[in-house]
N, C-alpha and C. Protein backbone atom coordinates (compact mmCIF):
# COMPACT_ATOMS: atom_id res chain seq x y z
N MET A 1 109.43 108.14 103.47
CA MET A 1 110.64 107.39 103.24
C MET A 1 111.66 107.77 104.32
N HIS A 2 112.37 106.78 104.85
CA HIS A 2 113.37 107.00 105.88
C HIS A 2 114.72 107.29 105.23
N ARG A 3 115.43 108.22 105.81
CA ARG A 3 116.79 108.51 105.34
C ARG A 3 117.78 107.66 106.13
N VAL A 4 118.73 107.10 105.45
CA VAL A 4 119.78 106.32 106.09
C VAL A 4 121.02 107.20 106.18
N ILE A 5 121.59 107.25 107.37
CA ILE A 5 122.77 108.07 107.58
C ILE A 5 123.85 107.22 108.24
N ILE A 6 125.03 107.22 107.67
CA ILE A 6 126.18 106.58 108.31
C ILE A 6 126.78 107.64 109.23
N SER A 7 126.64 107.41 110.53
CA SER A 7 127.05 108.44 111.48
C SER A 7 128.43 108.21 112.09
N GLY A 8 129.07 107.11 111.71
CA GLY A 8 130.41 106.87 112.25
C GLY A 8 130.97 105.56 111.73
N ILE A 9 132.24 105.40 111.90
CA ILE A 9 132.91 104.16 111.53
C ILE A 9 133.87 103.80 112.66
N GLY A 10 134.34 102.59 112.66
CA GLY A 10 135.28 102.19 113.69
C GLY A 10 136.10 101.00 113.26
N ALA A 11 137.13 100.76 114.00
CA ALA A 11 138.00 99.61 113.73
C ALA A 11 138.61 99.17 115.05
N GLU A 12 138.90 97.90 115.12
CA GLU A 12 139.56 97.37 116.30
C GLU A 12 140.79 96.59 115.84
N ILE A 13 141.89 96.86 116.48
CA ILE A 13 143.12 96.12 116.19
C ILE A 13 143.40 95.26 117.41
N PRO A 14 143.38 93.94 117.25
CA PRO A 14 143.62 93.07 118.40
C PRO A 14 145.05 93.23 118.92
N GLU A 15 145.21 93.03 120.22
CA GLU A 15 146.52 93.20 120.84
C GLU A 15 147.53 92.11 120.47
N PRO A 16 147.13 90.83 120.43
CA PRO A 16 148.15 89.81 120.15
C PRO A 16 148.81 90.02 118.79
N VAL A 17 150.13 89.87 118.76
CA VAL A 17 150.87 90.00 117.50
C VAL A 17 151.74 88.77 117.28
N ILE A 18 152.07 88.55 116.04
CA ILE A 18 153.03 87.52 115.66
C ILE A 18 154.14 88.24 114.91
N THR A 19 155.36 88.07 115.38
CA THR A 19 156.49 88.73 114.74
C THR A 19 157.01 87.87 113.58
N ASN A 20 157.79 88.49 112.73
CA ASN A 20 158.41 87.74 111.64
C ASN A 20 159.33 86.65 112.18
N GLU A 21 160.02 86.93 113.27
CA GLU A 21 160.93 85.94 113.85
C GLU A 21 160.16 84.70 114.31
N GLU A 22 158.99 84.91 114.93
CA GLU A 22 158.17 83.78 115.37
C GLU A 22 157.65 83.00 114.16
N LEU A 23 157.20 83.72 113.15
CA LEU A 23 156.68 83.07 111.96
C LEU A 23 157.77 82.28 111.24
N VAL A 24 158.95 82.84 111.13
CA VAL A 24 160.07 82.17 110.48
C VAL A 24 160.48 80.92 111.25
N ALA A 25 160.53 81.01 112.57
CA ALA A 25 160.91 79.84 113.38
C ALA A 25 159.93 78.70 113.15
N SER A 26 158.64 79.01 113.10
CA SER A 26 157.63 77.99 112.87
C SER A 26 157.73 77.43 111.46
N PHE A 27 157.86 78.31 110.47
CA PHE A 27 157.96 77.87 109.08
C PHE A 27 159.20 77.01 108.87
N ASN A 28 160.33 77.44 109.41
CA ASN A 28 161.57 76.69 109.23
C ASN A 28 161.51 75.33 109.91
N ALA A 29 160.80 75.23 111.03
CA ALA A 29 160.61 73.92 111.67
C ALA A 29 159.81 73.02 110.75
N TRP A 30 158.78 73.58 110.10
CA TRP A 30 157.99 72.80 109.14
C TRP A 30 158.86 72.39 107.94
N VAL A 31 159.70 73.30 107.45
CA VAL A 31 160.58 73.00 106.32
C VAL A 31 161.51 71.84 106.67
N ASP A 32 162.05 71.83 107.88
CA ASP A 32 162.93 70.72 108.30
C ASP A 32 162.19 69.39 108.20
N THR A 33 160.97 69.35 108.71
CA THR A 33 160.17 68.12 108.68
C THR A 33 159.82 67.74 107.24
N GLU A 34 159.39 68.72 106.47
CA GLU A 34 159.00 68.47 105.08
C GLU A 34 160.19 68.03 104.24
N ASN A 35 161.35 68.63 104.45
CA ASN A 35 162.54 68.25 103.68
C ASN A 35 162.99 66.84 104.01
N ALA A 36 162.81 66.41 105.25
CA ALA A 36 163.14 65.02 105.60
C ALA A 36 162.27 64.06 104.79
N ARG A 37 160.99 64.40 104.64
CA ARG A 37 160.08 63.58 103.83
C ARG A 37 160.47 63.63 102.36
N ARG A 38 160.82 64.82 101.88
CA ARG A 38 161.18 64.99 100.47
C ARG A 38 162.48 64.27 100.10
N GLU A 39 163.40 64.19 101.03
CA GLU A 39 164.65 63.46 100.76
C GLU A 39 164.36 61.99 100.48
N VAL A 40 163.39 61.43 101.19
CA VAL A 40 163.02 60.02 101.00
C VAL A 40 162.34 59.82 99.66
N THR A 41 161.46 60.76 99.28
CA THR A 41 160.69 60.61 98.04
C THR A 41 161.42 61.14 96.81
N GLY A 42 162.53 61.85 97.03
CA GLY A 42 163.28 62.39 95.90
C GLY A 42 162.73 63.71 95.37
N ASP A 43 161.79 64.31 96.08
CA ASP A 43 161.25 65.61 95.66
C ASP A 43 162.26 66.72 95.95
N ALA A 44 162.09 67.84 95.26
CA ALA A 44 162.97 68.99 95.48
C ALA A 44 162.82 69.51 96.90
N LEU A 45 163.95 69.90 97.49
CA LEU A 45 163.93 70.40 98.86
C LEU A 45 163.47 71.86 98.89
N LEU A 46 162.84 72.23 99.99
CA LEU A 46 162.37 73.59 100.19
C LEU A 46 163.47 74.43 100.85
N GLN A 47 163.43 75.72 100.61
CA GLN A 47 164.38 76.63 101.24
C GLN A 47 163.77 77.20 102.52
N LYS A 48 164.63 77.43 103.50
CA LYS A 48 164.18 78.09 104.72
C LYS A 48 164.01 79.58 104.44
N SER A 49 163.31 80.24 105.33
CA SER A 49 163.07 81.67 105.17
C SER A 49 163.79 82.44 106.27
N ASP A 50 163.74 83.76 106.20
CA ASP A 50 164.23 84.60 107.29
C ASP A 50 163.39 85.87 107.34
N SER A 51 163.45 86.56 108.46
CA SER A 51 162.59 87.72 108.66
C SER A 51 162.92 88.85 107.69
N ASP A 52 164.17 88.98 107.29
CA ASP A 52 164.54 90.02 106.32
C ASP A 52 163.83 89.81 104.98
N PHE A 53 163.70 88.55 104.56
CA PHE A 53 162.99 88.26 103.31
C PHE A 53 161.54 88.69 103.40
N ILE A 54 160.89 88.41 104.53
CA ILE A 54 159.48 88.78 104.69
C ILE A 54 159.32 90.29 104.59
N VAL A 55 160.18 91.03 105.27
CA VAL A 55 160.11 92.50 105.21
C VAL A 55 160.35 92.98 103.79
N HIS A 56 161.34 92.41 103.11
CA HIS A 56 161.65 92.82 101.73
C HIS A 56 160.49 92.50 100.78
N ALA A 57 159.92 91.32 100.92
CA ALA A 57 158.87 90.89 99.99
C ALA A 57 157.52 91.55 100.26
N SER A 58 157.23 91.83 101.54
CA SER A 58 155.88 92.31 101.86
C SER A 58 155.84 93.61 102.65
N GLY A 59 156.94 93.97 103.29
CA GLY A 59 156.94 95.16 104.14
C GLY A 59 156.36 94.91 105.52
N VAL A 60 155.92 93.70 105.78
CA VAL A 60 155.27 93.36 107.05
C VAL A 60 156.33 92.98 108.07
N ARG A 61 156.24 93.57 109.27
CA ARG A 61 157.15 93.22 110.36
C ARG A 61 156.42 92.44 111.46
N THR A 62 155.19 92.80 111.71
CA THR A 62 154.35 92.07 112.67
C THR A 62 152.94 92.03 112.12
N ARG A 63 152.17 91.06 112.60
CA ARG A 63 150.77 90.98 112.20
C ARG A 63 149.94 90.80 113.46
N HIS A 64 148.83 91.51 113.53
CA HIS A 64 147.91 91.39 114.66
C HIS A 64 146.95 90.25 114.39
N VAL A 65 146.69 89.46 115.42
CA VAL A 65 145.77 88.33 115.30
C VAL A 65 144.80 88.35 116.47
N VAL A 66 143.63 87.78 116.26
CA VAL A 66 142.66 87.70 117.34
C VAL A 66 143.11 86.68 118.36
N GLU A 67 143.61 85.54 117.87
CA GLU A 67 144.03 84.46 118.76
C GLU A 67 145.28 83.80 118.19
N ARG A 68 146.33 83.74 118.99
CA ARG A 68 147.61 83.18 118.53
C ARG A 68 147.61 81.65 118.51
N GLU A 69 146.76 81.05 119.30
CA GLU A 69 146.79 79.60 119.49
C GLU A 69 146.69 78.86 118.16
N GLY A 70 147.67 78.01 117.91
CA GLY A 70 147.66 77.16 116.73
C GLY A 70 148.25 77.78 115.48
N ILE A 71 148.35 79.09 115.41
CA ILE A 71 148.84 79.72 114.19
C ILE A 71 150.29 79.34 113.91
N LEU A 72 151.09 79.24 114.94
CA LEU A 72 152.52 78.96 114.77
C LEU A 72 152.86 77.48 114.90
N ASP A 73 151.86 76.63 114.90
CA ASP A 73 152.07 75.19 115.02
C ASP A 73 152.54 74.63 113.67
N PRO A 74 153.79 74.17 113.59
CA PRO A 74 154.31 73.68 112.30
C PRO A 74 153.50 72.51 111.73
N THR A 75 152.84 71.74 112.56
CA THR A 75 152.06 70.61 112.04
C THR A 75 150.80 71.06 111.33
N ARG A 76 150.36 72.28 111.55
CA ARG A 76 149.18 72.80 110.85
C ARG A 76 149.52 73.33 109.47
N MET A 77 150.78 73.49 109.16
CA MET A 77 151.19 74.06 107.86
C MET A 77 151.07 73.06 106.72
N ALA A 78 150.92 71.81 107.04
CA ALA A 78 150.82 70.79 106.01
C ALA A 78 149.53 70.96 105.33
């Protein structure tokens, strides 16, 4: 019978980051577009966010991502 041994572990943290400020700018742009639609339909309006709220709610200040492309695109949030 062969013995299995875990001889090491590792982790990689990708270099690209997204800051709360970048995330909030993208989200708030989406909120502006969505609220314009909601005003026409009579739906309740959404509130904008800010980076202080994200830190308070989650403790996160930045997030590492493999690829930034498209993540901050407000049209993808729909």
